[in-house]
Each structure stands twice: as C-alpha cells, then as structure tokens.
Amino acid sequence: MRLAAEPTLARRFVLALAVPCLLHCPPLLRPASAKIFADPRFILDLPDGFVVSKRTATTGTIFVAGNFPRFTVVSATAWPLATLLQDDAKGRDLPGLPSTAVRLNAGATSLLELGSAKEVAQLLIRQRDREASSGALQSELVDCAFEGNRLEFRYSTESPVADPDALEKERGVRRLLRQTACASVIGSVPTADGKRETAIFSVFGSALEQDWDKDLQGPLERAVKSFNLVTADAAGAVSDGAGRSAAASSAARIAVLAA
C-alpha cells in the first residue's frame, strides 16, 4: 500500500494522537482468522474485520489489532506495577518541585487494593497518554467502576486541529475526538532474573468519536469486556480469568455471539 506524499488530516490525527501500537506496528500484518484471539497470556474476542499485528513484547504494548482504514484499534498492555508508579511520579514532577508522594498501594495484589476506581483509572490514562504523546495529550476520564476484580472505564482524547475548516471539508467534523473503552486486571510478567512481578494488564478499544457513535461502540465494548487473563493450575490446565477452561470460555463466547 502506497501512502500519499502529503498525509491527509485523518492520517495526521492518528500520528498526532500517536497511539503507541499504531506508531510501532511492524510492516507485516496478518488477518485475524477468528473472532476469538488466544494468546498464551490472555483471551480476547475481536470485532469482525480486524487485522492482528504480530508482537513479541512481554511488557508495554503486547498486542495490537485494528480496522486501520477507520483508525479503530484494540490493543493490550502489560505494565509492571512498581515501574508504573515510579514513572507516574516522575511524570508529575515539576522543575525544581518533585511531585507529592503517590498514595496508591504499591504492594497491591488486586486493583481494589491499589486505590479507588477513579485513582487507578486516572493512573492508567496518564500512562497511556505518556506513551502516546510524551504527555502532550491529556485524556479525560468519562466513567469508571470496579466489576469484581476488574476495573472498567472509558475516556476521551482530543487532538489539536490546525485547520478546522479543512478538517470539516475532509471528515465532516471540526474537532478530533477519540473515545476509548478499557478494562484492567492484575497479573504478572517475567523479570530479567527469571522471577515474576506484579503487573497491570489492560485492553483498550478506541475509535474516532463519529465512528464510535455510528456503529463501533458496541463491538469495541464487547471486545473489551471479553478480555481475560489466561492462568494455569498445578496440573497445567489452562483457564481464563473467570476460572473457565480456555475451550469452555471460547465456547461460551461463541454462544453469546450467536444468540
């Protein structure tokens, strides 16, 4: 696929928003062969027509899939908790004035122990904005709530527009807003010395607001809700975060989708 020499406003928006997964997608993409994507670490139901980008990272952005012509993305991250809290404190420092101490429980074994739903959601949004734009963009939390051991939340992100008239002519809107639905759970990732450390796994489903409102909110929210970590018991049996076998989890999702 050849891109125009001068990027369109829509392309410039995606680059300005700088969703990490889009900026670092490898050139080779493979079609998603089924709705259910099974990774050794998680299970996820993808909307129809999404393309999966192969990744090997164990932390940071670990999964990306998208309907790229519509700038619609589902991605997953794994952020080690200790590093996340340290980066957040540094990111809030002002020149000559260190930030106040983070009042979140660094020893938490669940998101409920880490802090309130709003505190944890804002922590994750700040990290997402730092990775996406080095903090140039500031997303706004729309709503959040704990659902059992999961945190589910939504936020919006506005990108600066240099020429609203040109944008309106090309896209039919004068503002570039992106809506993102998210779900987060506590898990663990391997360390360099072969041990494991606590990490927050999150899935993000995002689209431009006009597409979100038109027909993508439902598919993206269903994808986010389907996200579960894969665990193995002492006998080696694999199950999702709800305690079901991977096969049963997949079958249950297929039944829901067929209903």
Protein backbone atom coordinates (compact mmCIF):
# COMPACT_ATOMS: atom_id res chain seq x y z
CA MET A 1 0.00 0.00 0.00
CA ARG A 2 1.41 3.36 -1.01
CA LEU A 3 0.68 6.39 1.09
CA ALA A 4 0.35 9.84 -0.36
CA ALA A 5 3.42 12.01 -0.07
CA GLU A 6 1.46 14.53 1.98
CA PRO A 7 -0.51 12.86 4.79
CA THR A 8 -4.24 13.65 4.99
CA LEU A 9 -5.68 15.33 8.05
CA ALA A 10 -7.01 11.98 9.19
CA ARG A 11 -3.56 10.42 8.95
CA ARG A 12 -2.03 13.40 10.72
CA PHE A 13 -4.57 12.95 13.51
CA VAL A 14 -3.55 9.36 14.09
CA LEU A 15 0.13 10.33 14.11
CA ALA A 16 -0.54 13.26 16.43
CA LEU A 17 -2.55 11.08 18.75
CA ALA A 18 0.36 8.66 18.45
CA VAL A 19 -1.30 5.57 19.75
CA PRO A 20 1.79 3.55 20.56
CA CYS A 21 0.55 0.46 18.86
CA LEU A 22 0.00 2.28 15.59
CA LEU A 23 3.32 4.02 15.68
CA HIS A 24 5.23 0.80 16.25
CA CYS A 25 3.24 -1.66 14.16
CA PRO A 26 5.55 -3.86 12.09
CA PRO A 27 5.02 -3.75 8.32
CA LEU A 28 3.74 -7.33 8.10
CA LEU A 29 0.14 -7.79 9.23
CA ARG A 30 -1.96 -10.92 9.20
CA PRO A 31 -5.76 -11.14 9.05
CA ALA A 32 -7.49 -12.17 12.26
CA SER A 33 -8.67 -15.67 11.38
CA ALA A 34 -11.41 -15.79 14.01
CA LYS A 35 -13.26 -13.60 16.45
CA ILE A 36 -11.53 -15.26 19.39
CA PHE A 37 -7.85 -14.44 19.72
CA ALA A 38 -6.00 -16.78 22.07
CA ASP A 39 -2.63 -15.59 23.36
CA PRO A 40 -0.60 -17.53 25.96
CA ARG A 41 -1.37 -14.66 28.34
CA PHE A 42 -4.97 -13.72 27.53
CA ILE A 43 -8.12 -14.45 25.56
CA LEU A 44 -9.88 -11.73 23.58
CA ASP A 45 -12.83 -11.55 21.19
CA LEU A 46 -12.05 -9.27 18.25
CA PRO A 47 -14.61 -7.42 16.11
CA ASP A 48 -15.05 -8.65 12.53
CA GLY A 49 -12.53 -7.42 10.01
CA PHE A 50 -9.76 -6.59 12.47
CA VAL A 51 -6.15 -7.22 11.46
CA VAL A 52 -3.68 -8.51 14.05
CA SER A 53 -0.16 -7.14 14.24
CA LYS A 54 2.45 -9.64 15.41
CA ARG A 55 4.27 -8.56 18.56
CA THR A 56 6.75 -10.27 20.89
CA ALA A 57 6.94 -7.78 23.77
CA THR A 58 6.32 -9.03 27.31
CA THR A 59 5.69 -5.55 28.77
CA GLY A 60 4.40 -2.29 27.38
CA THR A 61 2.10 -2.76 24.38
CA ILE A 62 1.87 -6.53 23.95
CA PHE A 63 -0.98 -6.83 21.43
CA VAL A 64 -2.43 -4.72 18.62
CA ALA A 65 -5.29 -5.33 16.21
CA GLY A 66 -7.25 -2.84 14.22
CA ASN A 67 -9.55 -1.80 11.45
CA PHE A 68 -6.87 0.57 10.28
CA PRO A 69 -8.75 2.29 7.42
CA ARG A 70 -11.18 3.53 10.11
CA PHE A 71 -8.39 4.27 12.62
CA THR A 72 -10.01 1.83 15.05
CA VAL A 73 -7.76 -0.16 17.38
CA VAL A 74 -7.94 -2.84 20.06
CA SER A 75 -4.67 -3.14 21.97
CA ALA A 76 -3.42 -4.71 25.18
CA THR A 77 -0.71 -3.54 27.56
CA ALA A 78 1.19 -5.06 30.48
CA TRP A 79 2.73 -2.51 32.82
CA PRO A 80 4.78 -3.71 35.81
CA LEU A 81 3.19 -2.05 38.83
CA ALA A 82 6.35 -0.79 40.53
CA THR A 83 7.65 0.79 37.31
CA LEU A 84 4.24 2.24 36.53
CA LEU A 85 4.07 4.04 39.87
CA GLN A 86 7.65 5.31 39.53
CA ASP A 87 7.02 6.62 36.02
CA ASP A 88 3.82 8.29 37.15
CA ALA A 89 5.60 10.12 39.98
CA LYS A 90 8.34 11.29 37.59
CA GLY A 91 5.78 12.37 35.01
CA ARG A 92 4.03 14.60 37.52
CA ASP A 93 7.24 16.27 38.74
CA LEU A 94 7.61 19.97 38.04
CA PRO A 95 11.03 21.62 37.50
CA GLY A 96 12.53 22.07 40.95
CA LEU A 97 9.38 20.77 42.60
CA PRO A 98 9.05 16.97 42.95
CA SER A 99 5.51 15.63 42.86
CA THR A 100 3.74 14.65 46.03
CA ALA A 101 4.01 11.02 47.04
CA VAL A 102 1.77 8.60 45.16
CA ARG A 103 -0.97 7.50 47.51
CA LEU A 104 -1.53 4.17 45.83
CA ASN A 105 -0.68 0.83 47.37
CA ALA A 106 2.47 -0.36 45.62
CA GLY A 107 2.13 -3.75 47.29
CA ALA A 108 -1.40 -4.34 46.00
CA THR A 109 -2.33 -7.81 44.75
CA SER A 110 -5.62 -6.61 43.26
CA LEU A 111 -6.83 -3.40 41.70
CA LEU A 112 -9.26 -2.98 44.59
CA GLU A 113 -6.27 -2.80 46.94
CA LEU A 114 -4.42 -0.34 44.73
CA GLY A 115 -6.80 2.59 45.12
CA SER A 116 -10.25 3.87 44.19
CA ALA A 117 -11.64 3.20 40.72
CA LYS A 118 -11.06 6.84 39.77
CA GLU A 119 -7.49 6.90 41.09
CA VAL A 120 -6.49 3.72 39.28
CA ALA A 121 -8.24 4.74 36.04
CA GLN A 122 -6.50 8.11 36.04
CA LEU A 123 -3.15 6.43 36.74
CA LEU A 124 -3.59 4.21 33.68
CA ILE A 125 -4.83 7.06 31.49
CA ARG A 126 -1.78 9.16 32.39
CA GLN A 127 0.49 6.27 31.44
CA ARG A 128 -1.34 5.81 28.17
CA ASP A 129 -1.01 9.50 27.35
CA ARG A 130 2.71 9.46 28.20
CA GLU A 131 3.30 6.53 25.87
CA ALA A 132 1.11 8.00 23.13
CA SER A 133 2.39 11.55 23.07
CA SER A 134 5.01 12.04 25.79
CA GLY A 135 2.30 13.76 27.79
CA ALA A 136 1.38 16.29 25.07
CA LEU A 137 -2.20 14.98 25.06
CA GLN A 138 -4.33 14.87 28.17
CA SER A 139 -7.27 12.49 28.05
CA GLU A 140 -10.36 12.98 30.20
CA LEU A 141 -11.97 10.23 32.24
CA VAL A 142 -15.64 9.73 31.34
CA ASP A 143 -16.67 6.99 33.76
CA CYS A 144 -15.17 4.13 35.74
CA ALA A 145 -16.21 1.30 38.05
CA PHE A 146 -14.88 -1.88 39.57
CA GLU A 147 -16.55 -5.03 38.26
CA GLY A 148 -15.35 -7.70 40.65
CA ASN A 149 -11.56 -7.68 40.39
CA ARG A 150 -11.66 -5.80 37.10
CA LEU A 151 -11.61 -2.08 36.51
CA GLU A 152 -13.70 -0.90 33.57
CA PHE A 153 -13.51 2.69 32.41
CA ARG A 154 -13.88 5.00 29.42
CA TYR A 155 -12.08 8.17 28.45
CA SER A 156 -11.94 10.68 25.59
CA THR A 157 -8.93 12.28 23.93
CA GLU A 158 -8.92 15.45 21.83
CA SER A 159 -6.18 16.13 19.33
CA PRO A 160 -5.24 19.69 18.31
CA VAL A 161 -6.55 20.71 14.89
CA ALA A 162 -4.54 23.24 12.89
CA ASP A 163 -7.25 23.90 10.29
CA PRO A 164 -10.82 23.11 11.46
CA ASP A 165 -12.25 24.26 8.09
CA ALA A 166 -10.10 21.80 6.14
CA LEU A 167 -10.91 19.05 8.61
CA GLU A 168 -14.63 19.71 8.26
CA LYS A 169 -14.34 19.54 4.48
CA GLU A 170 -12.47 16.23 4.61
CA ARG A 171 -14.07 14.47 7.60
CA GLY A 172 -17.26 16.39 8.31
CA VAL A 173 -16.16 17.40 11.81
CA ARG A 174 -14.31 20.38 13.26
CA ARG A 175 -12.87 18.59 16.32
CA LEU A 176 -10.93 15.34 16.51
CA LEU A 177 -12.09 13.32 19.48
CA ARG A 178 -11.28 9.71 20.21
CA GLN A 179 -13.36 7.54 22.53
CA THR A 180 -11.69 4.63 24.32
CA ALA A 181 -13.20 1.83 26.38
CA CYS A 182 -10.84 -0.04 28.73
CA ALA A 183 -10.66 -2.93 31.15
CA SER A 184 -7.77 -3.70 33.51
CA VAL A 185 -6.80 -6.63 35.73
CA ILE A 186 -3.86 -7.58 37.91
CA GLY A 187 -1.47 -10.25 36.66
CA SER A 188 2.27 -10.82 36.49
CA VAL A 189 5.10 -10.61 33.98
CA PRO A 190 8.54 -12.29 33.89
CA THR A 191 11.57 -10.39 35.14
CA ALA A 192 15.12 -10.48 33.79
CA ASP A 193 16.21 -12.86 36.58
CA GLY A 194 13.52 -15.42 35.80
CA LYS A 195 11.13 -14.38 38.54
CA ARG A 196 7.74 -12.71 38.16
CA GLU A 197 6.47 -9.31 39.24
CA THR A 198 3.01 -7.82 39.61
CA ALA A 199 1.71 -6.01 36.55
CA ILE A 200 -1.49 -4.38 35.37
CA PHE A 201 -2.86 -5.84 32.15
CA SER A 202 -5.22 -3.57 30.23
CA VAL A 203 -7.16 -3.74 26.98
CA PHE A 204 -8.11 -0.59 25.07
CA GLY A 205 -10.72 -0.33 22.34
CA SER A 206 -10.74 3.06 20.63
CA ALA A 207 -12.28 4.84 17.65
CA LEU A 208 -12.89 8.34 16.36
CA GLU A 209 -15.98 9.74 18.04
CA GLN A 210 -18.10 9.88 14.88
CA ASP A 211 -17.39 6.20 14.17
CA TRP A 212 -17.84 5.31 17.84
CA ASP A 213 -21.28 6.88 17.81
CA LYS A 214 -22.19 5.43 14.42
CA ASP A 215 -21.52 1.71 14.81
CA LEU A 216 -18.30 0.90 16.69
CA GLN A 217 -19.15 1.48 20.35
CA GLY A 218 -20.91 -1.87 20.74
CA PRO A 219 -18.25 -4.05 19.04
CA LEU A 220 -15.41 -2.32 20.88
CA GLU A 221 -17.08 -2.51 24.28
CA ARG A 222 -17.82 -6.22 23.72
CA ALA A 223 -14.17 -6.81 22.81
CA VAL A 224 -13.03 -5.02 25.96
CA LYS A 225 -15.44 -6.97 28.17
CA SER A 226 -14.24 -10.28 26.67
CA PHE A 227 -10.64 -9.70 27.82
CA ASN A 228 -9.43 -12.22 30.41
CA LEU A 229 -6.01 -13.36 31.52
CA VAL A 230 -5.07 -16.99 30.98
CA THR A 231 -3.86 -18.91 34.02
CA ALA A 232 -2.58 -22.44 34.51
CA ASP A 233 -3.23 -24.58 37.57
CA ALA A 234 -0.80 -27.04 39.16
CA ALA A 235 -1.88 -29.74 36.71
CA GLY A 236 -1.22 -27.45 33.77
CA ALA A 237 -4.87 -26.93 32.84
CA VAL A 238 -5.39 -23.55 31.24
CA SER A 239 -8.34 -21.33 32.14
CA ASP A 240 -9.39 -17.73 31.72
CA GLY A 241 -9.71 -15.15 34.47
CA ALA A 242 -13.23 -16.33 35.25
CA GLY A 243 -11.97 -19.82 36.10
CA ARG A 244 -13.33 -21.50 32.95
CA SER A 245 -11.20 -23.69 30.73
CA ALA A 246 -9.94 -21.93 27.64
CA ALA A 247 -12.15 -24.16 25.49
CA ALA A 248 -15.21 -23.55 27.67
CA SER A 249 -14.52 -19.83 27.68
CA SER A 250 -14.34 -19.78 23.91
CA ALA A 251 -17.47 -21.88 23.57
CA ALA A 252 -19.35 -19.60 25.94
CA ARG A 253 -18.34 -16.55 23.93
CA ILE A 254 -19.39 -18.21 20.65
CA ALA A 255 -22.77 -19.00 22.19
CA VAL A 256 -23.21 -15.38 23.26
CA LEU A 257 -22.21 -14.09 19.84
CA ALA A 258 -24.61 -16.50 18.12
CA ALA A 259 -27.53 -15.58 20.40
